[in-house]
PDB file of all heavy atoms in Angstrom:
ATOM      1  N   PRO A   1      48.137  13.051   3.026  1.00  0.00           N
ATOM      2  CA  PRO A   1      47.565  12.548   4.247  1.00  0.00           C
ATOM      3  C   PRO A   1      48.335  11.361   4.764  1.00  0.00           C
ATOM      4  O   PRO A   1      48.857  10.536   4.032  1.00  0.00           O
ATOM      5  CB  PRO A   1      46.119  12.107   3.818  1.00  0.00           C
ATOM      6  CG  PRO A   1      46.199  11.937   2.314  1.00  0.00           C
ATOM      7  CD  PRO A   1      47.226  12.916   1.844  1.00  0.00           C
ATOM      8  N   LEU A   2      48.431  11.292   6.089  1.00  0.00           N
ATOM      9  CA  LEU A   2      49.122  10.206   6.756  1.00  0.00           C
ATOM     10  C   LEU A   2      48.340   8.883   6.622  1.00  0.00           C
ATOM     11  O   LEU A   2      47.087   8.913   6.555  1.00  0.00           O
ATOM     12  CB  LEU A   2      49.349  10.535   8.224  1.00  0.00           C
ATOM     13  CG  LEU A   2      50.178  11.823   8.472  1.00  0.00           C
ATOM     14  CD1 LEU A   2      50.121  12.208   9.940  1.00  0.00           C
ATOM     15  CD2 LEU A   2      51.577  11.632   8.029  1.00  0.00           C
ATOM     16  N   PRO A   3      48.986   7.777   6.613  1.00  0.00           N
ATOM     17  CA  PRO A   3      48.262   6.494   6.531  1.00  0.00           C
ATOM     18  C   PRO A   3      47.473   6.216   7.775  1.00  0.00           C
ATOM     19  O   PRO A   3      48.022   6.193   8.890  1.00  0.00           O
ATOM     20  CB  PRO A   3      49.396   5.455   6.329  1.00  0.00           C
ATOM     21  CG  PRO A   3      50.625   6.103   6.922  1.00  0.00           C
ATOM     22  CD  PRO A   3      50.439   7.571   6.679  1.00  0.00           C
ATOM     23  N   LEU A   4      46.180   5.962   7.624  1.00  0.00           N
ATOM     24  CA  LEU A   4      45.315   5.803   8.832  1.00  0.00           C
ATOM     25  C   LEU A   4      44.671   4.424   8.890  1.00  0.00           C
ATOM     26  O   LEU A   4      44.193   4.049   9.960  1.00  0.00           O
ATOM     27  CB  LEU A   4      44.184   6.835   8.754  1.00  0.00           C
ATOM     28  CG  LEU A   4      44.577   8.327   8.801  1.00  0.00           C
ATOM     29  CD1 LEU A   4      43.372   9.227   8.762  1.00  0.00           C
ATOM     30  CD2 LEU A   4      45.386   8.630  10.089  1.00  0.00           C
ATOM     31  N   GLY A   5      44.673   3.675   7.817  1.00  0.00           N
ATOM     32  CA  GLY A   5      43.913   2.382   7.830  1.00  0.00           C
ATOM     33  C   GLY A   5      42.457   2.607   7.640  1.00  0.00           C
ATOM     34  O   GLY A   5      42.009   3.551   7.029  1.00  0.00           O
ATOM     35  N   ARG A   6      41.636   1.655   8.207  1.00  0.00           N
ATOM     36  CA  ARG A   6      40.208   1.725   8.009  1.00  0.00           C
ATOM     37  C   ARG A   6      39.485   2.388   9.181  1.00  0.00           C
ATOM     38  O   ARG A   6      38.538   3.162   8.960  1.00  0.00           O
ATOM     39  CB  ARG A   6      39.623   0.334   7.772  1.00  0.00           C
ATOM     40  CG  ARG A   6      40.139  -0.390   6.546  1.00  0.00           C
ATOM     41  CD  ARG A   6      39.391  -1.741   6.351  1.00  0.00           C
ATOM     42  NE  ARG A   6      37.951  -1.497   6.273  1.00  0.00           N
ATOM     43  CZ  ARG A   6      37.029  -2.502   6.433  1.00  0.00           C
ATOM     44  NH1 ARG A   6      37.483  -3.708   6.658  1.00  0.00           N
ATOM     45  NH2 ARG A   6      35.781  -2.230   6.319  1.00  0.00           N
ATOM     46  N   HIS A   7      39.907   2.046  10.399  1.00  0.00           N
ATOM     47  CA  HIS A   7      39.170   2.468  11.576  1.00  0.00           C
ATOM     48  C   HIS A   7      40.015   3.522  12.330  1.00  0.00           C
ATOM     49  O   HIS A   7      41.145   3.187  12.760  1.00  0.00           O
ATOM     50  CB  HIS A   7      38.852   1.319  12.514  1.00  0.00           C
ATOM     51  CG  HIS A   7      38.180   0.185  11.767  1.00  0.00           C
ATOM     52  ND1 HIS A   7      36.900   0.240  11.257  1.00  0.00           N
ATOM     53  CD2 HIS A   7      38.629  -1.066  11.418  1.00  0.00           C
ATOM     54  CE1 HIS A   7      36.562  -0.864  10.632  1.00  0.00           C
ATOM     55  NE2 HIS A   7      37.606  -1.725  10.751  1.00  0.00           N
ATOM     56  N   VAL A   8      39.464   4.688  12.552  1.00  0.00           N
ATOM     57  CA  VAL A   8      40.243   5.828  13.153  1.00  0.00           C
ATOM     58  C   VAL A   8      39.484   6.354  14.365  1.00  0.00           C
ATOM     59  O   VAL A   8      38.236   6.520  14.345  1.00  0.00           O
ATOM     60  CB  VAL A   8      40.433   6.922  12.124  1.00  0.00           C
ATOM     61  CG1 VAL A   8      41.256   8.039  12.726  1.00  0.00           C
ATOM     62  CG2 VAL A   8      41.136   6.423  10.850  1.00  0.00           C
ATOM     63  N   ALA A   9      40.209   6.602  15.417  1.00  0.00           N
ATOM     64  CA  ALA A   9      39.626   7.275  16.607  1.00  0.00           C
ATOM     65  C   ALA A   9      40.279   8.649  16.754  1.00  0.00           C
ATOM     66  O   ALA A   9      41.455   8.828  16.558  1.00  0.00           O
ATOM     67  CB  ALA A   9      39.916   6.389  17.848  1.00  0.00           C
ATOM     68  N   VAL A  10      39.443   9.618  17.139  1.00  0.00           N
ATOM     69  CA  VAL A  10      39.909  10.978  17.420  1.00  0.00           C
ATOM     70  C   VAL A  10      39.627  11.231  18.916  1.00  0.00           C
ATOM     71  O   VAL A  10      38.466  11.150  19.333  1.00  0.00           O
ATOM     72  CB  VAL A  10      39.191  12.009  16.545  1.00  0.00           C
ATOM     73  CG1 VAL A  10      39.663  13.441  16.948  1.00  0.00           C
ATOM     74  CG2 VAL A  10      39.547  11.768  15.100  1.00  0.00           C
ATOM     75  N   ILE A  11      40.659  11.613  19.656  1.00  0.00           N
ATOM     76  CA  ILE A  11      40.514  11.863  21.073  1.00  0.00           C
ATOM     77  C   ILE A  11      40.352  13.367  21.297  1.00  0.00           C
ATOM     78  O   ILE A  11      41.219  14.150  20.936  1.00  0.00           O
ATOM     79  CB  ILE A  11      41.745  11.358  21.895  1.00  0.00           C
ATOM     80  CG1 ILE A  11      42.029   9.903  21.533  1.00  0.00           C
ATOM     81  CG2 ILE A  11      41.481  11.460  23.399  1.00  0.00           C
ATOM     82  CD1 ILE A  11      40.918   8.977  21.709  1.00  0.00           C
ATOM     83  N   GLY A  12      39.228  13.767  21.903  1.00  0.00           N
ATOM     84  CA  GLY A  12      38.949  15.169  22.163  1.00  0.00           C
ATOM     85  C   GLY A  12      37.624  15.551  21.540  1.00  0.00           C
ATOM     86  O   GLY A  12      37.020  14.797  20.783  1.00  0.00           O
ATOM     87  N   ALA A  13      37.133  16.794  21.894  1.00  0.00           N
ATOM     88  CA  ALA A  13      35.810  17.191  21.404  1.00  0.00           C
ATOM     89  C   ALA A  13      35.743  18.699  21.173  1.00  0.00           C
ATOM     90  O   ALA A  13      34.699  19.289  21.272  1.00  0.00           O
ATOM     91  CB  ALA A  13      34.710  16.761  22.400  1.00  0.00           C
ATOM     92  N   GLY A  14      36.880  19.281  20.845  1.00  0.00           N
ATOM     93  CA  GLY A  14      36.924  20.715  20.481  1.00  0.00           C
ATOM     94  C   GLY A  14      36.809  20.856  18.978  1.00  0.00           C
ATOM     95  O   GLY A  14      36.597  19.921  18.253  1.00  0.00           O
ATOM     96  N   ASN A  15      36.940  22.090  18.547  1.00  0.00           N
ATOM     97  CA  ASN A  15      36.812  22.401  17.097  1.00  0.00           C
ATOM     98  C   ASN A  15      37.896  21.668  16.301  1.00  0.00           C
ATOM     99  O   ASN A  15      37.657  21.234  15.176  1.00  0.00           O
ATOM    100  CB  ASN A  15      36.859  23.881  16.880  1.00  0.00           C
ATOM    101  CG  ASN A  15      35.698  24.647  17.390  1.00  0.00           C
ATOM    102  OD1 ASN A  15      34.593  24.034  17.481  1.00  0.00           O
ATOM    103  ND2 ASN A  15      35.851  25.884  17.742  1.00  0.00           N
ATOM    104  N   THR A  16      39.115  21.609  16.852  1.00  0.00           N
ATOM    105  CA  THR A  16      40.193  20.889  16.158  1.00  0.00           C
ATOM    106  C   THR A  16      39.860  19.400  16.025  1.00  0.00           C
ATOM    107  O   THR A  16      40.167  18.821  14.971  1.00  0.00           O
ATOM    108  CB  THR A  16      41.510  21.106  16.938  1.00  0.00           C
ATOM    109  OG1 THR A  16      41.814  22.465  17.063  1.00  0.00           O
ATOM    110  CG2 THR A  16      42.640  20.334  16.210  1.00  0.00           C
ATOM    111  N   ALA A  17      39.259  18.840  17.060  1.00  0.00           N
ATOM    112  CA  ALA A  17      38.859  17.414  16.965  1.00  0.00           C
ATOM    113  C   ALA A  17      37.865  17.227  15.864  1.00  0.00           C
ATOM    114  O   ALA A  17      37.925  16.219  15.097  1.00  0.00           O
ATOM    115  CB  ALA A  17      38.312  16.943  18.290  1.00  0.00           C
ATOM    116  N   MET A  18      36.911  18.179  15.692  1.00  0.00           N
ATOM    117  CA  MET A  18      35.914  18.049  14.629  1.00  0.00           C
ATOM    118  C   MET A  18      36.579  18.108  13.266  1.00  0.00           C
ATOM    119  O   MET A  18      36.249  17.422  12.318  1.00  0.00           O
ATOM    120  CB  MET A  18      34.869  19.142  14.766  1.00  0.00           C
ATOM    121  CG  MET A  18      34.076  19.123  16.100  1.00  0.00           C
ATOM    122  SD  MET A  18      33.207  17.622  16.506  1.00  0.00           S
ATOM    123  CE  MET A  18      34.322  16.911  17.751  1.00  0.00           C
ATOM    124  N   ASP A  19      37.596  19.042  13.175  1.00  0.00           N
ATOM    125  CA  ASP A  19      38.334  19.151  11.889  1.00  0.00           C
ATOM    126  C   ASP A  19      39.006  17.854  11.555  1.00  0.00           C
ATOM    127  O   ASP A  19      39.020  17.407  10.395  1.00  0.00           O
ATOM    128  CB  ASP A  19      39.368  20.278  11.993  1.00  0.00           C
ATOM    129  CG  ASP A  19      38.657  21.653  12.021  1.00  0.00           C
ATOM    130  OD1 ASP A  19      37.501  21.762  11.640  1.00  0.00           O
ATOM    131  OD2 ASP A  19      39.361  22.632  12.447  1.00  0.00           O
ATOM    132  N   CYS A  20      39.689  17.289  12.571  1.00  0.00           N
ATOM    133  CA  CYS A  20      40.409  16.054  12.308  1.00  0.00           C
ATOM    134  C   CYS A  20      39.480  14.910  11.915  1.00  0.00           C
ATOM    135  O   CYS A  20      39.785  14.137  11.017  1.00  0.00           O
ATOM    136  CB  CYS A  20      41.140  15.618  13.596  1.00  0.00           C
ATOM    137  SG  CYS A  20      42.571  16.703  14.013  1.00  0.00           S
ATOM    138  N   ALA A  21      38.327  14.814  12.605  1.00  0.00           N
ATOM    139  CA  ALA A  21      37.396  13.722  12.284  1.00  0.00           C
ATOM    140  C   ALA A  21      36.872  13.844  10.895  1.00  0.00           C
ATOM    141  O   ALA A  21      36.785  12.850  10.123  1.00  0.00           O
ATOM    142  CB  ALA A  21      36.277  13.732  13.321  1.00  0.00           C
ATOM    143  N   ARG A  22      36.462  15.048  10.474  1.00  0.00           N
ATOM    144  CA  ARG A  22      35.858  15.198   9.158  1.00  0.00           C
ATOM    145  C   ARG A  22      36.962  15.017   8.055  1.00  0.00           C
ATOM    146  O   ARG A  22      36.656  14.504   7.000  1.00  0.00           O
ATOM    147  CB  ARG A  22      35.248  16.593   9.069  1.00  0.00           C
ATOM    148  CG  ARG A  22      34.082  16.794  10.064  1.00  0.00           C
ATOM    149  CD  ARG A  22      33.540  18.221   9.961  1.00  0.00           C
ATOM    150  NE  ARG A  22      32.856  18.424   8.701  1.00  0.00           N
ATOM    151  CZ  ARG A  22      32.548  19.635   8.210  1.00  0.00           C
ATOM    152  NH1 ARG A  22      32.894  20.735   8.890  1.00  0.00           N
ATOM    153  NH2 ARG A  22      31.931  19.758   7.040  1.00  0.00           N
ATOM    154  N   ALA A  23      38.165  15.511   8.346  1.00  0.00           N
ATOM    155  CA  ALA A  23      39.254  15.321   7.395  1.00  0.00           C
ATOM    156  C   ALA A  23      39.604  13.859   7.240  1.00  0.00           C
ATOM    157  O   ALA A  23      39.831  13.351   6.126  1.00  0.00           O
ATOM    158  CB  ALA A  23      40.452  16.112   7.783  1.00  0.00           C
ATOM    159  N   ALA A  24      39.635  13.145   8.360  1.00  0.00           N
ATOM    160  CA  ALA A  24      40.059  11.719   8.358  1.00  0.00           C
ATOM    161  C   ALA A  24      39.081  10.880   7.467  1.00  0.00           C
ATOM    162  O   ALA A  24      39.461   9.938   6.819  1.00  0.00           O
ATOM    163  CB  ALA A  24      40.078  11.156   9.782  1.00  0.00           C
ATOM    164  N   LEU A  25      37.808  11.257   7.504  1.00  0.00           N
ATOM    165  CA  LEU A  25      36.848  10.557   6.694  1.00  0.00           C
ATOM    166  C   LEU A  25      37.110  10.659   5.198  1.00  0.00           C
ATOM    167  O   LEU A  25      36.675   9.817   4.407  1.00  0.00           O
ATOM    168  CB  LEU A  25      35.424  11.105   6.980  1.00  0.00           C
ATOM    169  CG  LEU A  25      34.671  10.552   8.190  1.00  0.00           C
ATOM    170  CD1 LEU A  25      33.374  11.276   8.387  1.00  0.00           C
ATOM    171  CD2 LEU A  25      34.423   9.027   8.046  1.00  0.00           C
ATOM    172  N   LYS A  26      37.855  11.721   4.787  1.00  0.00           N
ATOM    173  CA  LYS A  26      38.161  11.886   3.387  1.00  0.00           C
ATOM    174  C   LYS A  26      39.476  11.263   2.954  1.00  0.00           C
ATOM    175  O   LYS A  26      39.845  11.307   1.791  1.00  0.00           O
ATOM    176  CB  LYS A  26      38.239  13.418   3.108  1.00  0.00           C
ATOM    177  CG  LYS A  26      36.927  14.103   3.396  1.00  0.00           C
ATOM    178  CD  LYS A  26      37.048  15.658   3.170  1.00  0.00           C
ATOM    179  CE  LYS A  26      35.746  16.368   3.540  1.00  0.00           C
ATOM    180  NZ  LYS A  26      35.879  17.814   3.398  1.00  0.00           N
ATOM    181  N   VAL A  27      40.221  10.639   3.941  1.00  0.00           N
ATOM    182  CA  VAL A  27      41.479   9.993   3.607  1.00  0.00           C
ATOM    183  C   VAL A  27      41.155   8.649   2.942  1.00  0.00           C
ATOM    184  O   VAL A  27      40.334   7.871   3.459  1.00  0.00           O
ATOM    185  CB  VAL A  27      42.261   9.758   4.867  1.00  0.00           C
ATOM    186  CG1 VAL A  27      43.563   8.970   4.563  1.00  0.00           C
ATOM    187  CG2 VAL A  27      42.700  11.130   5.474  1.00  0.00           C
ATOM    188  N   PRO A  28      41.772   8.379   1.782  1.00  0.00           N
ATOM    189  CA  PRO A  28      41.510   7.116   1.101  1.00  0.00           C
ATOM    190  C   PRO A  28      41.747   5.887   2.010  1.00  0.00           C
ATOM    191  O   PRO A  28      42.735   5.835   2.744  1.00  0.00           O
ATOM    192  CB  PRO A  28      42.524   7.101  -0.053  1.00  0.00           C
ATOM    193  CG  PRO A  28      42.797   8.597  -0.299  1.00  0.00           C
ATOM    194  CD  PRO A  28      42.692   9.235   1.061  1.00  0.00           C
ATOM    195  N   GLY A  29      40.786   4.962   2.012  1.00  0.00           N
ATOM    196  CA  GLY A  29      40.896   3.737   2.800  1.00  0.00           C
ATOM    197  C   GLY A  29      40.176   3.814   4.111  1.00  0.00           C
ATOM    198  O   GLY A  29      39.911   2.722   4.732  1.00  0.00           O
ATOM    199  N   VAL A  30      39.856   4.978   4.615  1.00  0.00           N
ATOM    200  CA  VAL A  30      39.175   5.133   5.896  1.00  0.00           C
ATOM    201  C   VAL A  30      37.656   4.801   5.721  1.00  0.00           C
ATOM    202  O   VAL A  30      37.001   5.401   4.858  1.00  0.00           O
ATOM    203  CB  VAL A  30      39.344   6.539   6.494  1.00  0.00           C
ATOM    204  CG1 VAL A  30      38.468   6.695   7.760  1.00  0.00           C
ATOM    205  CG2 VAL A  30      40.787   6.776   6.796  1.00  0.00           C
ATOM    206  N   SER A  31      37.122   3.917   6.554  1.00  0.00           N
ATOM    207  CA  SER A  31      35.699   3.550   6.500  1.00  0.00           C
ATOM    208  C   SER A  31      34.903   4.182   7.573  1.00  0.00           C
ATOM    209  O   SER A  31      33.705   4.457   7.397  1.00  0.00           O
ATOM    210  CB  SER A  31      35.546   2.017   6.523  1.00  0.00           C
ATOM    211  OG  SER A  31      36.055   1.511   7.756  1.00  0.00           O
ATOM    212  N   ASP A  32      35.493   4.425   8.776  1.00  0.00           N
ATOM    213  CA  ASP A  32      34.746   5.069   9.854  1.00  0.00           C
ATOM    214  C   ASP A  32      35.680   5.790  10.777  1.00  0.00           C
ATOM    215  O   ASP A  32      36.841   5.432  10.933  1.00  0.00           O
ATOM    216  CB  ASP A  32      33.927   4.002  10.632  1.00  0.00           C
ATOM    217  CG  ASP A  32      34.827   2.914  11.176  1.00  0.00           C
ATOM    218  OD1 ASP A  32      35.481   3.104  12.216  1.00  0.00           O
ATOM    219  OD2 ASP A  32      34.854   1.807  10.587  1.00  0.00           O
ATOM    220  N   VAL A  33      35.158   6.871  11.379  1.00  0.00           N
ATOM    221  CA  VAL A  33      35.907   7.674  12.344  1.00  0.00           C
ATOM    222  C   VAL A  33      35.032   7.863  13.581  1.00  0.00           C
ATOM    223  O   VAL A  33      33.861   8.187  13.460  1.00  0.00           O
ATOM    224  CB  VAL A  33      36.256   9.061  11.739  1.00  0.00           C
ATOM    225  CG1 VAL A  33      36.930   9.950  12.804  1.00  0.00           C
ATOM    226  CG2 VAL A  33      37.134   8.918  10.504  1.00  0.00           C
ATOM    227  N   THR A  34      35.615   7.645  14.748  1.00  0.00           N
ATOM    228  CA  THR A  34      34.927   7.743  16.011  1.00  0.00           C
ATOM    229  C   THR A  34      35.596   8.775  16.908  1.00  0.00           C
ATOM    230  O   THR A  34      36.814   8.689  17.154  1.00  0.00           O
ATOM    231  CB  THR A  34      34.866   6.381  16.729  1.00  0.00           C
ATOM    232  OG1 THR A  34      34.312   5.386  15.897  1.00  0.00           O
ATOM    233  CG2 THR A  34      34.072   6.466  18.024  1.00  0.00           C
ATOM    234  N   VAL A  35      34.814   9.760  17.384  1.00  0.00           N
ATOM    235  CA  VAL A  35      35.306  10.700  18.316  1.00  0.00           C
ATOM    236  C   VAL A  35      35.063  10.196  19.748  1.00  0.00           C
ATOM    237  O   VAL A  35      33.950   9.823  20.094  1.00  0.00           O
ATOM    238  CB  VAL A  35      34.621  12.085  18.155  1.00  0.00           C
ATOM    239  CG1 VAL A  35      34.946  13.024  19.296  1.00  0.00           C
ATOM    240  CG2 VAL A  35      35.047  12.711  16.824  1.00  0.00           C
ATOM    241  N   ILE A  36      36.133  10.158  20.539  1.00  0.00           N
ATOM    242  CA  ILE A  36      36.035   9.661  21.919  1.00  0.00           C
ATOM    243  C   ILE A  36      36.196  10.831  22.880  1.00  0.00           C
ATOM    244  O   ILE A  36      37.222  11.537  22.839  1.00  0.00           O
ATOM    245  CB  ILE A  36      37.117   8.584  22.159  1.00  0.00           C
ATOM    246  CG1 ILE A  36      36.887   7.387  21.206  1.00  0.00           C
ATOM    247  CG2 ILE A  36      37.128   8.145  23.607  1.00  0.00           C
ATOM    248  CD1 ILE A  36      37.925   6.349  21.295  1.00  0.00           C
ATOM    249  N   TYR A  37      35.205  10.999  23.732  1.00  0.00           N
ATOM    250  CA  TYR A  37      35.228  12.164  24.623  1.00  0.00           C
ATOM    251  C   TYR A  37      34.786  11.739  26.026  1.00  0.00           C
ATOM    252  O   TYR A  37      33.822  10.982  26.188  1.00  0.00           O
ATOM    253  CB  TYR A  37      34.261  13.240  24.087  1.00  0.00           C
ATOM    254  CG  TYR A  37      34.197  14.483  24.901  1.00  0.00           C
ATOM    255  CD1 TYR A  37      35.384  15.125  25.366  1.00  0.00           C
ATOM    256  CD2 TYR A  37      32.978  15.098  25.255  1.00  0.00           C
ATOM    257  CE1 TYR A  37      35.332  16.304  26.127  1.00  0.00           C
ATOM    258  CE2 TYR A  37      32.959  16.248  26.008  1.00  0.00           C
ATOM    259  CZ  TYR A  37      34.112  16.859  26.428  1.00  0.00           C
ATOM    260  OH  TYR A  37      34.064  18.012  27.207  1.00  0.00           O
ATOM    261  N   ARG A  38      35.482  12.193  27.026  1.00  0.00           N
ATOM    262  CA  ARG A  38      35.270  11.700  28.383  1.00  0.00           C
ATOM    263  C   ARG A  38      34.053  12.371  29.106  1.00  0.00           C
ATOM    264  O   ARG A  38      33.652  11.874  30.154  1.00  0.00           O
ATOM    265  CB  ARG A  38      36.529  11.983  29.213  1.00  0.00           C
ATOM    266  CG  ARG A  38      36.927  13.474  29.324  1.00  0.00           C
ATOM    267  CD  ARG A  38      38.170  13.625  30.178  1.00  0.00           C
ATOM    268  NE  ARG A  38      38.507  15.046  30.302  1.00  0.00           N
ATOM    269  CZ  ARG A  38      39.322  15.546  31.260  1.00  0.00           C
ATOM    270  NH1 ARG A  38      39.806  14.681  32.136  1.00  0.00           N
ATOM    271  NH2 ARG A  38      39.619  16.795  31.297  1.00  0.00           N
ATOM    272  N   ARG A  39      33.515  13.450  28.510  1.00  0.00           N
ATOM    273  CA  ARG A  39      32.324  14.049  29.053  1.00  0.00           C
ATOM    274  C   ARG A  39      31.135  13.770  28.140  1.00  0.00           C
ATOM    275  O   ARG A  39      31.244  12.979  27.168  1.00  0.00           O
ATOM    276  CB  ARG A  39      32.528  15.541  29.264  1.00  0.00           C
ATOM    277  CG  ARG A  39      33.467  15.947  30.366  1.00  0.00           C
ATOM    278  CD  ARG A  39      33.460  17.447  30.542  1.00  0.00           C
ATOM    279  NE  ARG A  39      34.150  17.905  31.729  1.00  0.00           N
ATOM    280  CZ  ARG A  39      35.437  18.273  31.817  1.00  0.00           C
ATOM    281  NH1 ARG A  39      36.186  18.208  30.756  1.00  0.00           N
ATOM    282  NH2 ARG A  39      35.890  18.709  32.980  1.00  0.00           N
ATOM    283  N   SER A  40      29.980  14.419  28.368  1.00  0.00           N
ATOM    284  CA  SER A  40      28.802  14.199  27.566  1.00  0.00           C
ATOM    285  C   SER A  40      28.747  15.199  26.436  1.00  0.00           C
ATOM    286  O   SER A  40      29.581  16.127  26.377  1.00  0.00           O
ATOM    287  CB  SER A  40      27.513  14.317  28.416  1.00  0.00           C
ATOM    288  OG  SER A  40      27.335  15.603  28.827  1.00  0.00           O
ATOM    289  N   GLU A  41      27.772  15.056  25.594  1.00  0.00           N
ATOM    290  CA  GLU A  41      27.614  16.004  24.467  1.00  0.00           C
ATOM    291  C   GLU A  41      27.426  17.419  24.955  1.00  0.00           C
ATOM    292  O   GLU A  41      27.911  18.399  24.375  1.00  0.00           O
ATOM    293  CB  GLU A  41      26.392  15.572  23.621  1.00  0.00           C
ATOM    294  CG  GLU A  41      26.057  16.514  22.518  1.00  0.00           C
ATOM    295  CD  GLU A  41      24.792  16.163  21.765  1.00  0.00           C
ATOM    296  OE1 GLU A  41      24.381  14.933  21.825  1.00  0.00           O
ATOM    297  OE2 GLU A  41      24.134  17.028  21.171  1.00  0.00           O
ATOM    298  N   LYS A  42      26.723  17.581  26.083  1.00  0.00           N
ATOM    299  CA  LYS A  42      26.428  18.887  26.599  1.00  0.00           C
ATOM    300  C   LYS A  42      27.727  19.679  27.018  1.00  0.00           C
ATOM    301  O   LYS A  42      27.752  20.918  26.904  1.00  0.00           O
ATOM    302  CB  LYS A  42      25.511  18.769  27.852  1.00  0.00           C
ATOM    303  CG  LYS A  42      25.062  20.078  28.459  1.00  0.00           C
ATOM    304  CD  LYS A  42      24.194  19.858  29.636  1.00  0.00           C
ATOM    305  CE  LYS A  42      23.775  21.190  30.249  1.00  0.00           C
ATOM    306  NZ  LYS A  42      22.870  20.982  31.425  1.00  0.00           N
ATOM    307  N   GLU A  43      28.719  18.964  27.425  1.00  0.00           N
ATOM    308  CA  GLU A  43      29.985  19.587  27.879  1.00  0.00           C
ATOM    309  C   GLU A  43      31.011  19.802  26.765  1.00  0.00           C
ATOM    310  O   GLU A  43      32.111  20.267  26.979  1.00  0.00           O
ATOM    311  CB  GLU A  43      30.618  18.809  29.014  1.00  0.00           C
ATOM    312  CG  GLU A  43      29.929  18.946  30.375  1.00  0.00           C
ATOM    313  CD  GLU A  43      28.675  18.143  30.463  1.00  0.00           C
ATOM    314  OE1 GLU A  43      28.571  17.078  29.803  1.00  0.00           O
ATOM    315  OE2 GLU A  43      27.741  18.586  31.143  1.00  0.00           O
ATOM    316  N   MET A  44      30.649  19.432  25.526  1.00  0.00           N
ATOM    317  CA  MET A  44      31.634  19.551  24.437  1.00  0.00           C
ATOM    318  C   MET A  44      32.107  21.004  24.278  1.00  0.00           C
ATOM    319  O   MET A  44      31.287  21.916  24.202  1.00  0.00           O
ATOM    320  CB  MET A  44      31.023  19.114  23.121  1.00  0.00           C
ATOM    321  CG  MET A  44      30.837  17.605  22.977  1.00  0.00           C
ATOM    322  SD  MET A  44      30.062  17.213  21.390  1.00  0.00           S
ATOM    323  CE  MET A  44      31.394  17.746  20.247  1.00  0.00           C
ATOM    324  N   PRO A  45      33.424  21.278  24.165  1.00  0.00           N
ATOM    325  CA  PRO A  45      33.863  22.640  23.883  1.00  0.00           C
ATOM    326  C   PRO A  45      33.714  23.070  22.427  1.00  0.00           C
ATOM    327  O   PRO A  45      33.812  24.225  22.108  1.00  0.00           O
ATOM    328  CB  PRO A  45      35.344  22.554  24.280  1.00  0.00           C
ATOM    329  CG  PRO A  45      35.762  21.162  24.070  1.00  0.00           C
ATOM    330  CD  PRO A  45      34.528  20.340  24.397  1.00  0.00           C
ATOM    331  N   ALA A  46      33.513  22.103  21.538  1.00  0.00           N
ATOM    332  CA  ALA A  46      33.333  22.467  20.104  1.00  0.00           C
ATOM    333  C   ALA A  46      32.091  23.339  19.875  1.00  0.00           C
ATOM    334  O   ALA A  46      31.089  23.153  20.584  1.00  0.00           O
ATOM    335  CB  ALA A  46      33.280  21.183  19.252  1.00  0.00           C
TER     336      ALA A  46
END
């Protein structure tokens, strides 16, 4: 896994973004992951 630090942001809200966010939480040293999406939950493509 690539070095991410403690605080990670994932841009996007598709299935790939969900994969990235869940995987990032398992990287050693990461304490929180935040998905940033420009629309609302209702419009998510995931």
